[in-house]
Structure formats: C-alpha cells, structure tokens
C-alpha cells in the first residue's frame, strides 16, 4: 500500500509572522505600537529564541515593523503616499514602493447614469455608463476602495476586462492618454461598507480623492477613491517654472512632525 502524503507544515517562524501581520492588518496593532520582544514571544508563544528572532527580522525586512536599538520593535507607519498634483496608477505607486499590489473586484456592471453621476460626466440622465467597484491591496493590506463610473461609449469593452490583472486606470490610459484631470481631496467619515472593506476602526476618518478625467474635450470617468486615514497620505512639491527645487522629492518625511 502506498503512503498517504500530508501537506508540509508551515514553519513556526512563518506562523508567528502571519499572526503579527494579521494583528497589524485588523488594527489590533496600530502604527507606532510596540510589538512583543523576542523574550516575550519566546515566553508567550512557546517558540525558540531563534524562531522569534527570525520572525521579527523578516517582518523588519518586509517593512511591517521597525526595530529601534535600546527601545524595542514597533509597528511601522504603513501609510502609503500618493502625489497630490499627479494622477497615477495605484499599481504603479505600490510597485514604486517595492510592495505587491493586488485587487478584488466587488462590482463590474452597466447602469444608467443618474443624479450626481450624470452631472459629473456631463451626460443626459439614463445614458449608459459602466460601474467598477474594487478594493486595492498593498502587501495584502487594503489601501483603497475605487468606486469608478465610465462613459460606456468611451470604453465599450470595459465589462470584458479582468481588473484583477489590470487596473481600471491602466486600461483607460491604454484606450486614450489622459488629456485633463480634476482632483478634489476630502476628509470624511466612511460608510459601513467602505470601513469594513478597508479594515478601519469606527472612529477613523477616510481620505477621499474625487477625480474626473477628460478625453477629447469631455469628461469620461468619475471616480471616488477612498483610503484609510491612518495608512494613506497625499504629498506634493511645487516650484515655479525655471526655479530649481531646493528639496529633493522624498527628503521631507511627515513622520518627523508627529507628536
């Protein structure tokens, strides 16, 4: 008789990493919170010192935590940054930070433009538009809910796209290069659906980017991009034409201003 094959057990250090990542993702451990030390992990989790050390070392290398000599290990400030003066594909932003992007499609449908949507897209009530609702993840942590409406005759094959492999932004740019854009940024309390999808606490505000883009002189997309206030920020740098920038992009870190 042949032997029954059993799946390989997950290494103990990986189990420990997964447990800490889960506590960070669900908000139990928040940015700047102290993470249990090696000694505490050894005692509370019944693991060897080598296992605890490897788990914390890899979490540090992957950007989840930061280790401060003489003080301990703390949850890293995992706020993602986007440039307030630019329209960028979120997958490119995440890749630029050296992280992994993934997305989940909640809704991808055709509907009739009504109210705010018709007004934003400058179309008559009842005109066909496509609706795409997605959650974008950075290193498996939800970072953006994208709620986008697209004029149907601008992107007639929109419903055929697999938005888990290409973002709506990349798809639309491939159809027609961006000609003009408008962005409005608001802080507001999210509704329950957004809060649940972004794993936000009840008292956490969201950062909402309201974006319209134009092609051939008309608005063709209208999007509301919701982000958790504790894990996302917008940055910008401006210098008049012909004036050299005195501060290289990325030098100023807002974390230095935290109280």
C-alpha atoms as a PDB file:
ATOM      1  CA  UNK A   1       0.000   0.000   0.000  1.00  0.00           C
ATOM      2  CA  UNK A   2       1.204   3.495  -0.786  1.00  0.00           C
ATOM      3  CA  UNK A   3       1.744   6.093   1.902  1.00  0.00           C
ATOM      4  CA  UNK A   4      -0.682   8.952   2.338  1.00  0.00           C
ATOM      5  CA  UNK A   5       1.047  12.265   1.642  1.00  0.00           C
ATOM      6  CA  UNK A   6       0.469  15.025   4.185  1.00  0.00           C
ATOM      7  CA  UNK A   7       0.974  18.702   3.368  1.00  0.00           C
ATOM      8  CA  UNK A   8       4.166  20.273   4.662  1.00  0.00           C
ATOM      9  CA  UNK A   9       3.679  22.007   7.973  1.00  0.00           C
ATOM     10  CA  UNK A  10       4.030  25.787   7.936  1.00  0.00           C
ATOM     11  CA  UNK A  11       7.338  26.699   9.629  1.00  0.00           C
ATOM     12  CA  UNK A  12       6.897  28.029  13.157  1.00  0.00           C
ATOM     13  CA  UNK A  13       8.581  31.357  12.360  1.00  0.00           C
ATOM     14  CA  UNK A  14       6.148  31.867   9.445  1.00  0.00           C
ATOM     15  CA  UNK A  15       3.178  31.130  11.703  1.00  0.00           C
ATOM     16  CA  UNK A  16       4.488  33.749  14.104  1.00  0.00           C
ATOM     17  CA  UNK A  17       4.944  36.274  11.274  1.00  0.00           C
ATOM     18  CA  UNK A  18       1.431  35.607   9.965  1.00  0.00           C
ATOM     19  CA  UNK A  19      -0.021  36.128  13.432  1.00  0.00           C
ATOM     20  CA  UNK A  20       1.683  39.509  13.851  1.00  0.00           C
ATOM     21  CA  UNK A  21       0.749  40.609  10.308  1.00  0.00           C
ATOM     22  CA  UNK A  22      -2.883  39.673  11.000  1.00  0.00           C
ATOM     23  CA  UNK A  23      -2.856  41.768  14.203  1.00  0.00           C
ATOM     24  CA  UNK A  24      -1.476  44.716  12.198  1.00  0.00           C
ATOM     25  CA  UNK A  25      -3.986  44.261   9.348  1.00  0.00           C
ATOM     26  CA  UNK A  26      -7.050  44.105  11.620  1.00  0.00           C
ATOM     27  CA  UNK A  27      -5.960  47.168  13.606  1.00  0.00           C
ATOM     28  CA  UNK A  28      -5.170  45.370  16.854  1.00  0.00           C
ATOM     29  CA  UNK A  29      -1.609  46.635  16.426  1.00  0.00           C
ATOM     30  CA  UNK A  30      -1.503  50.158  15.008  1.00  0.00           C
ATOM     31  CA  UNK A  31       1.391  52.296  13.670  1.00  0.00           C
ATOM     32  CA  UNK A  32       3.944  53.069  16.420  1.00  0.00           C
ATOM     33  CA  UNK A  33       2.504  50.393  18.757  1.00  0.00           C
ATOM     34  CA  UNK A  34       5.125  48.266  20.439  1.00  0.00           C
ATOM     35  CA  UNK A  35       5.433  44.681  19.177  1.00  0.00           C
ATOM     36  CA  UNK A  36       6.270  41.910  21.702  1.00  0.00           C
ATOM     37  CA  UNK A  37      10.009  41.457  22.137  1.00  0.00           C
ATOM     38  CA  UNK A  38      11.918  38.264  21.398  1.00  0.00           C
ATOM     39  CA  UNK A  39      11.793  37.330  25.085  1.00  0.00           C
ATOM     40  CA  UNK A  40       8.064  37.977  25.278  1.00  0.00           C
ATOM     41  CA  UNK A  41       7.411  35.930  22.139  1.00  0.00           C
ATOM     42  CA  UNK A  42       9.523  33.062  23.470  1.00  0.00           C
ATOM     43  CA  UNK A  43       7.511  33.002  26.698  1.00  0.00           C
ATOM     44  CA  UNK A  44       4.007  33.712  25.364  1.00  0.00           C
ATOM     45  CA  UNK A  45       4.175  31.672  22.137  1.00  0.00           C
ATOM     46  CA  UNK A  46       6.384  28.814  23.333  1.00  0.00           C
ATOM     47  CA  UNK A  47       8.884  29.223  20.494  1.00  0.00           C
ATOM     48  CA  UNK A  48      12.654  29.194  20.461  1.00  0.00           C
ATOM     49  CA  UNK A  49      14.676  32.401  20.546  1.00  0.00           C
ATOM     50  CA  UNK A  50      15.918  31.612  17.026  1.00  0.00           C
ATOM     51  CA  UNK A  51      12.319  31.369  15.766  1.00  0.00           C
ATOM     52  CA  UNK A  52      11.292  34.654  17.393  1.00  0.00           C
ATOM     53  CA  UNK A  53      14.406  36.399  16.089  1.00  0.00           C
ATOM     54  CA  UNK A  54      13.824  35.220  12.515  1.00  0.00           C
ATOM     55  CA  UNK A  55      10.158  36.249  12.561  1.00  0.00           C
ATOM     56  CA  UNK A  56      10.972  39.769  13.792  1.00  0.00           C
ATOM     57  CA  UNK A  57      13.940  40.086  11.426  1.00  0.00           C
ATOM     58  CA  UNK A  58      11.848  39.188   8.364  1.00  0.00           C
ATOM     59  CA  UNK A  59       8.989  41.452   9.458  1.00  0.00           C
ATOM     60  CA  UNK A  60      11.538  44.273   9.669  1.00  0.00           C
ATOM     61  CA  UNK A  61      12.986  43.468   6.240  1.00  0.00           C
ATOM     62  CA  UNK A  62       9.480  43.440   4.721  1.00  0.00           C
ATOM     63  CA  UNK A  63       8.594  46.825   6.240  1.00  0.00           C
ATOM     64  CA  UNK A  64       5.911  45.754   8.715  1.00  0.00           C
ATOM     65  CA  UNK A  65       7.877  46.723  11.817  1.00  0.00           C
ATOM     66  CA  UNK A  66      10.903  48.813  12.724  1.00  0.00           C
ATOM     67  CA  UNK A  67      13.435  47.891  15.398  1.00  0.00           C
ATOM     68  CA  UNK A  68      14.886  50.751  17.446  1.00  0.00           C
ATOM     69  CA  UNK A  69      18.098  49.966  19.296  1.00  0.00           C
ATOM     70  CA  UNK A  70      17.631  50.044  23.045  1.00  0.00           C
ATOM     71  CA  UNK A  71      13.882  50.627  22.810  1.00  0.00           C
ATOM     72  CA  UNK A  72      12.243  47.669  21.098  1.00  0.00           C
ATOM     73  CA  UNK A  73      10.240  46.787  17.999  1.00  0.00           C
ATOM     74  CA  UNK A  74       7.330  48.924  16.777  1.00  0.00           C
ATOM     75  CA  UNK A  75       4.714  48.723  14.040  1.00  0.00           C
ATOM     76  CA  UNK A  76       5.967  50.729  11.067  1.00  0.00           C
ATOM     77  CA  UNK A  77       3.984  53.695   9.827  1.00  0.00           C
ATOM     78  CA  UNK A  78       2.482  51.899   6.843  1.00  0.00           C
ATOM     79  CA  UNK A  79       0.896  54.990   5.335  1.00  0.00           C
ATOM     80  CA  UNK A  80       1.105  54.868   1.585  1.00  0.00           C
ATOM     81  CA  UNK A  81       1.808  58.071  -0.272  1.00  0.00           C
ATOM     82  CA  UNK A  82       0.343  59.487  -3.450  1.00  0.00           C
ATOM     83  CA  UNK A  83       1.317  62.717  -5.173  1.00  0.00           C
ATOM     84  CA  UNK A  84      -1.465  65.281  -4.802  1.00  0.00           C
ATOM     85  CA  UNK A  85      -0.531  67.018  -8.091  1.00  0.00           C
ATOM     86  CA  UNK A  86      -0.391  63.878 -10.237  1.00  0.00           C
ATOM     87  CA  UNK A  87      -2.803  61.226 -11.492  1.00  0.00           C
ATOM     88  CA  UNK A  88      -1.063  57.884 -11.114  1.00  0.00           C
ATOM     89  CA  UNK A  89      -1.996  54.241 -11.411  1.00  0.00           C
ATOM     90  CA  UNK A  90      -2.193  52.826  -7.898  1.00  0.00           C
ATOM     91  CA  UNK A  91      -0.483  49.599  -9.004  1.00  0.00           C
ATOM     92  CA  UNK A  92       2.491  51.669 -10.211  1.00  0.00           C
ATOM     93  CA  UNK A  93       2.565  53.614  -6.935  1.00  0.00           C
ATOM     94  CA  UNK A  94       2.686  50.401  -4.935  1.00  0.00           C
ATOM     95  CA  UNK A  95       5.333  48.824  -7.180  1.00  0.00           C
ATOM     96  CA  UNK A  96       7.435  52.006  -6.866  1.00  0.00           C
ATOM     97  CA  UNK A  97       7.471  51.459  -3.100  1.00  0.00           C
ATOM     98  CA  UNK A  98       8.729  47.921  -3.646  1.00  0.00           C
ATOM     99  CA  UNK A  99       5.463  46.375  -2.475  1.00  0.00           C
ATOM    100  CA  UNK A 100       2.982  43.953  -4.014  1.00  0.00           C
ATOM    101  CA  UNK A 101      -0.327  45.125  -5.489  1.00  0.00           C
ATOM    102  CA  UNK A 102      -3.473  43.011  -5.694  1.00  0.00           C
ATOM    103  CA  UNK A 103      -7.114  43.852  -6.227  1.00  0.00           C
ATOM    104  CA  UNK A 104     -10.554  42.388  -5.617  1.00  0.00           C
ATOM    105  CA  UNK A 105     -13.469  43.245  -7.905  1.00  0.00           C
ATOM    106  CA  UNK A 106     -16.662  43.874  -5.940  1.00  0.00           C
ATOM    107  CA  UNK A 107     -18.806  45.062  -8.850  1.00  0.00           C
ATOM    108  CA  UNK A 108     -18.394  45.437 -12.615  1.00  0.00           C
ATOM    109  CA  UNK A 109     -21.656  46.349 -14.314  1.00  0.00           C
ATOM    110  CA  UNK A 110     -23.544  48.503 -16.810  1.00  0.00           C
ATOM    111  CA  UNK A 111     -26.067  51.004 -15.478  1.00  0.00           C
ATOM    112  CA  UNK A 112     -27.904  54.209 -16.385  1.00  0.00           C
ATOM    113  CA  UNK A 113     -26.353  57.487 -15.282  1.00  0.00           C
ATOM    114  CA  UNK A 114     -28.459  59.282 -12.705  1.00  0.00           C
ATOM    115  CA  UNK A 115     -28.092  62.329 -10.459  1.00  0.00           C
ATOM    116  CA  UNK A 116     -24.531  63.051  -9.369  1.00  0.00           C
ATOM    117  CA  UNK A 117     -23.023  60.633 -11.900  1.00  0.00           C
ATOM    118  CA  UNK A 118     -24.790  62.162 -14.911  1.00  0.00           C
ATOM    119  CA  UNK A 119     -23.893  65.661 -13.734  1.00  0.00           C
ATOM    120  CA  UNK A 120     -20.224  64.796 -13.156  1.00  0.00           C
ATOM    121  CA  UNK A 121     -19.883  63.158 -16.579  1.00  0.00           C
ATOM    122  CA  UNK A 122     -21.885  65.842 -18.449  1.00  0.00           C
ATOM    123  CA  UNK A 123     -24.309  63.291 -19.890  1.00  0.00           C
ATOM    124  CA  UNK A 124     -28.077  63.086 -20.026  1.00  0.00           C
ATOM    125  CA  UNK A 125     -29.980  61.152 -17.378  1.00  0.00           C
ATOM    126  CA  UNK A 126     -30.207  57.498 -18.402  1.00  0.00           C
ATOM    127  CA  UNK A 127     -27.112  57.381 -20.609  1.00  0.00           C
ATOM    128  CA  UNK A 128     -25.223  54.074 -20.271  1.00  0.00           C
ATOM    129  CA  UNK A 129     -22.175  54.067 -18.005  1.00  0.00           C
ATOM    130  CA  UNK A 130     -20.043  51.297 -16.584  1.00  0.00           C
ATOM    131  CA  UNK A 131     -19.555  50.967 -12.824  1.00  0.00           C
ATOM    132  CA  UNK A 132     -16.416  49.390 -11.371  1.00  0.00           C
ATOM    133  CA  UNK A 133     -16.032  48.898  -7.636  1.00  0.00           C
ATOM    134  CA  UNK A 134     -12.706  47.449  -6.451  1.00  0.00           C
ATOM    135  CA  UNK A 135     -10.556  47.100  -3.359  1.00  0.00           C
ATOM    136  CA  UNK A 136      -6.818  47.585  -3.895  1.00  0.00           C
ATOM    137  CA  UNK A 137      -4.321  45.909  -1.570  1.00  0.00           C
ATOM    138  CA  UNK A 138      -0.717  46.746  -0.733  1.00  0.00           C
ATOM    139  CA  UNK A 139       1.179  43.756   0.673  1.00  0.00           C
ATOM    140  CA  UNK A 140      -2.207  42.144   1.405  1.00  0.00           C
ATOM    141  CA  UNK A 141      -3.443  45.196   3.369  1.00  0.00           C
ATOM    142  CA  UNK A 142      -6.464  47.032   1.883  1.00  0.00           C
ATOM    143  CA  UNK A 143      -5.412  50.569   0.959  1.00  0.00           C
ATOM    144  CA  UNK A 144      -8.048  51.889  -1.461  1.00  0.00           C
ATOM    145  CA  UNK A 145     -11.688  51.389  -2.418  1.00  0.00           C
ATOM    146  CA  UNK A 146     -12.076  52.537  -6.026  1.00  0.00           C
ATOM    147  CA  UNK A 147     -15.639  53.494  -6.966  1.00  0.00           C
ATOM    148  CA  UNK A 148     -15.488  54.477 -10.651  1.00  0.00           C
ATOM    149  CA  UNK A 149     -18.012  55.317 -13.370  1.00  0.00           C
ATOM    150  CA  UNK A 150     -17.004  55.327 -17.038  1.00  0.00           C
ATOM    151  CA  UNK A 151     -18.938  56.639 -20.041  1.00  0.00           C
ATOM    152  CA  UNK A 152     -19.869  53.470 -21.942  1.00  0.00           C
ATOM    153  CA  UNK A 153     -19.175  54.706 -25.460  1.00  0.00           C
ATOM    154  CA  UNK A 154     -15.655  55.725 -24.424  1.00  0.00           C
ATOM    155  CA  UNK A 155     -14.719  52.220 -23.239  1.00  0.00           C
ATOM    156  CA  UNK A 156     -17.196  49.805 -24.887  1.00  0.00           C
ATOM    157  CA  UNK A 157     -15.307  46.644 -23.855  1.00  0.00           C
ATOM    158  CA  UNK A 158     -14.966  47.645 -20.202  1.00  0.00           C
ATOM    159  CA  UNK A 159     -17.018  44.717 -18.917  1.00  0.00           C
ATOM    160  CA  UNK A 160     -14.696  42.266 -20.681  1.00  0.00           C
ATOM    161  CA  UNK A 161     -11.652  43.413 -18.693  1.00  0.00           C
ATOM    162  CA  UNK A 162     -10.162  41.435 -15.829  1.00  0.00           C
ATOM    163  CA  UNK A 163      -9.490  44.178 -13.299  1.00  0.00           C
ATOM    164  CA  UNK A 164      -7.585  41.783 -11.064  1.00  0.00           C
ATOM    165  CA  UNK A 165      -4.789  41.765 -13.652  1.00  0.00           C
ATOM    166  CA  UNK A 166      -5.029  45.335 -14.993  1.00  0.00           C
ATOM    167  CA  UNK A 167      -6.283  48.343 -13.067  1.00  0.00           C
ATOM    168  CA  UNK A 168      -9.084  50.484 -14.487  1.00  0.00           C
ATOM    169  CA  UNK A 169      -6.618  53.373 -14.642  1.00  0.00           C
ATOM    170  CA  UNK A 170      -4.123  51.417 -16.756  1.00  0.00           C
ATOM    171  CA  UNK A 171      -6.890  50.121 -19.025  1.00  0.00           C
ATOM    172  CA  UNK A 172      -8.353  53.594 -19.615  1.00  0.00           C
ATOM    173  CA  UNK A 173      -4.945  55.143 -20.259  1.00  0.00           C
ATOM    174  CA  UNK A 174      -4.275  52.478 -22.884  1.00  0.00           C
ATOM    175  CA  UNK A 175      -7.506  53.441 -24.665  1.00  0.00           C
ATOM    176  CA  UNK A 176      -6.716  57.148 -24.676  1.00  0.00           C
ATOM    177  CA  UNK A 177      -3.870  59.037 -22.960  1.00  0.00           C
ATOM    178  CA  UNK A 178      -5.004  61.331 -20.169  1.00  0.00           C
ATOM    179  CA  UNK A 179      -5.702  64.826 -21.519  1.00  0.00           C
ATOM    180  CA  UNK A 180      -7.009  66.611 -18.417  1.00  0.00           C
ATOM    181  CA  UNK A 181      -7.895  65.774 -14.836  1.00  0.00           C
ATOM    182  CA  UNK A 182      -9.564  67.340 -11.822  1.00  0.00           C
ATOM    183  CA  UNK A 183      -8.956  66.162  -8.239  1.00  0.00           C
ATOM    184  CA  UNK A 184     -10.719  67.144  -5.035  1.00  0.00           C
ATOM    185  CA  UNK A 185      -9.488  65.792  -1.687  1.00  0.00           C
ATOM    186  CA  UNK A 186     -11.805  65.468   1.301  1.00  0.00           C
ATOM    187  CA  UNK A 187     -11.601  64.011   4.780  1.00  0.00           C
ATOM    188  CA  UNK A 188     -14.845  62.352   5.828  1.00  0.00           C
ATOM    189  CA  UNK A 189     -16.243  59.552   7.907  1.00  0.00           C
ATOM    190  CA  UNK A 190     -16.787  56.492   5.674  1.00  0.00           C
ATOM    191  CA  UNK A 191     -19.940  54.455   5.454  1.00  0.00           C
ATOM    192  CA  UNK A 192     -20.016  50.961   6.931  1.00  0.00           C
ATOM    193  CA  UNK A 193     -19.222  49.206   3.634  1.00  0.00           C
ATOM    194  CA  UNK A 194     -16.068  51.260   2.995  1.00  0.00           C
ATOM    195  CA  UNK A 195     -14.998  50.923   6.628  1.00  0.00           C
ATOM    196  CA  UNK A 196     -15.339  47.138   6.519  1.00  0.00           C
ATOM    197  CA  UNK A 197     -13.515  46.770   3.205  1.00  0.00           C
ATOM    198  CA  UNK A 198     -10.587  48.898   4.406  1.00  0.00           C
ATOM    199  CA  UNK A 199     -10.471  47.325   7.896  1.00  0.00           C
ATOM    200  CA  UNK A 200     -10.933  50.715   9.544  1.00  0.00           C
ATOM    201  CA  UNK A 201     -11.946  51.439  13.118  1.00  0.00           C
ATOM    202  CA  UNK A 202     -15.313  53.057  13.827  1.00  0.00           C
ATOM    203  CA  UNK A 203     -13.751  56.435  14.669  1.00  0.00           C
ATOM    204  CA  UNK A 204     -11.220  56.564  11.799  1.00  0.00           C
ATOM    205  CA  UNK A 205     -11.765  59.121   9.013  1.00  0.00           C
ATOM    206  CA  UNK A 206     -11.117  58.315   5.385  1.00  0.00           C
ATOM    207  CA  UNK A 207      -9.209  60.364   2.843  1.00  0.00           C
ATOM    208  CA  UNK A 208     -11.322  60.604  -0.306  1.00  0.00           C
ATOM    209  CA  UNK A 209      -9.947  61.671  -3.677  1.00  0.00           C
ATOM    210  CA  UNK A 210     -12.726  62.680  -6.070  1.00  0.00           C
ATOM    211  CA  UNK A 211     -11.304  62.503  -9.577  1.00  0.00           C
ATOM    212  CA  UNK A 212     -12.631  63.281 -13.061  1.00  0.00           C
ATOM    213  CA  UNK A 213     -10.615  62.708 -16.228  1.00  0.00           C
ATOM    214  CA  UNK A 214     -11.201  64.097 -19.718  1.00  0.00           C
ATOM    215  CA  UNK A 215     -10.625  62.832 -23.229  1.00  0.00           C
ATOM    216  CA  UNK A 216     -11.304  64.752 -26.465  1.00  0.00           C
ATOM    217  CA  UNK A 217     -12.714  67.667 -24.517  1.00  0.00           C
ATOM    218  CA  UNK A 218     -15.291  65.767 -22.439  1.00  0.00           C
ATOM    219  CA  UNK A 219     -15.225  64.056 -19.024  1.00  0.00           C
ATOM    220  CA  UNK A 220     -15.162  60.285 -19.471  1.00  0.00           C
ATOM    221  CA  UNK A 221     -14.564  58.931 -15.971  1.00  0.00           C
ATOM    222  CA  UNK A 222     -15.667  59.909 -12.479  1.00  0.00           C
ATOM    223  CA  UNK A 223     -14.092  58.158  -9.506  1.00  0.00           C
ATOM    224  CA  UNK A 224     -14.241  58.306  -5.728  1.00  0.00           C
ATOM    225  CA  UNK A 225     -11.108  56.794  -4.218  1.00  0.00           C
ATOM    226  CA  UNK A 226     -11.438  56.026  -0.509  1.00  0.00           C
ATOM    227  CA  UNK A 227      -8.340  55.495   1.680  1.00  0.00           C
ATOM    228  CA  UNK A 228      -7.893  54.769   5.410  1.00  0.00           C
ATOM    229  CA  UNK A 229      -6.721  57.996   7.032  1.00  0.00           C
ATOM    230  CA  UNK A 230      -4.161  56.202   9.192  1.00  0.00           C
ATOM    231  CA  UNK A 231      -2.485  54.411   6.270  1.00  0.00           C
ATOM    232  CA  UNK A 232      -2.510  56.903   3.417  1.00  0.00           C
ATOM    233  CA  UNK A 233      -1.365  60.441   2.752  1.00  0.00           C
ATOM    234  CA  UNK A 234      -1.017  62.817  -0.184  1.00  0.00           C
ATOM    235  CA  UNK A 235       2.206  64.678  -0.791  1.00  0.00           C
ATOM    236  CA  UNK A 236       3.135  67.402  -3.226  1.00  0.00           C
ATOM    237  CA  UNK A 237       6.030  69.621  -4.204  1.00  0.00           C
ATOM    238  CA  UNK A 238       5.878  72.680  -6.386  1.00  0.00           C
ATOM    239  CA  UNK A 239       8.357  75.157  -7.826  1.00  0.00           C
ATOM    240  CA  UNK A 240       7.602  77.873 -10.406  1.00  0.00           C
ATOM    241  CA  UNK A 241       8.854  77.178 -13.923  1.00  0.00           C
ATOM    242  CA  UNK A 242      12.582  77.820 -14.167  1.00  0.00           C
ATOM    243  CA  UNK A 243      13.121  77.650 -10.403  1.00  0.00           C
ATOM    244  CA  UNK A 244      15.337  74.799  -9.181  1.00  0.00           C
ATOM    245  CA  UNK A 245      13.904  72.648  -6.389  1.00  0.00           C
ATOM    246  CA  UNK A 246      15.795  73.144  -3.152  1.00  0.00           C
ATOM    247  CA  UNK A 247      14.485  69.974  -1.518  1.00  0.00           C
ATOM    248  CA  UNK A 248      14.667  66.676  -3.426  1.00  0.00           C
ATOM    249  CA  UNK A 249      11.405  64.748  -3.520  1.00  0.00           C
ATOM    250  CA  UNK A 250      11.235  62.224  -0.706  1.00  0.00           C
ATOM    251  CA  UNK A 251      13.626  64.012   1.676  1.00  0.00           C
ATOM    252  CA  UNK A 252      10.943  65.557   3.871  1.00  0.00           C
ATOM    253  CA  UNK A 253       9.163  62.916   5.927  1.00  0.00           C
ATOM    254  CA  UNK A 254       5.915  63.879   7.628  1.00  0.00           C
ATOM    255  CA  UNK A 255       6.559  61.261  10.295  1.00  0.00           C
ATOM    256  CA  UNK A 256       9.128  63.649  11.780  1.00  0.00           C
ATOM    257  CA  UNK A 257       6.280  66.034  12.619  1.00  0.00           C
ATOM    258  CA  UNK A 258       4.192  63.513  14.550  1.00  0.00           C
ATOM    259  CA  UNK A 259       3.596  64.304  18.185  1.00  0.00           C
END
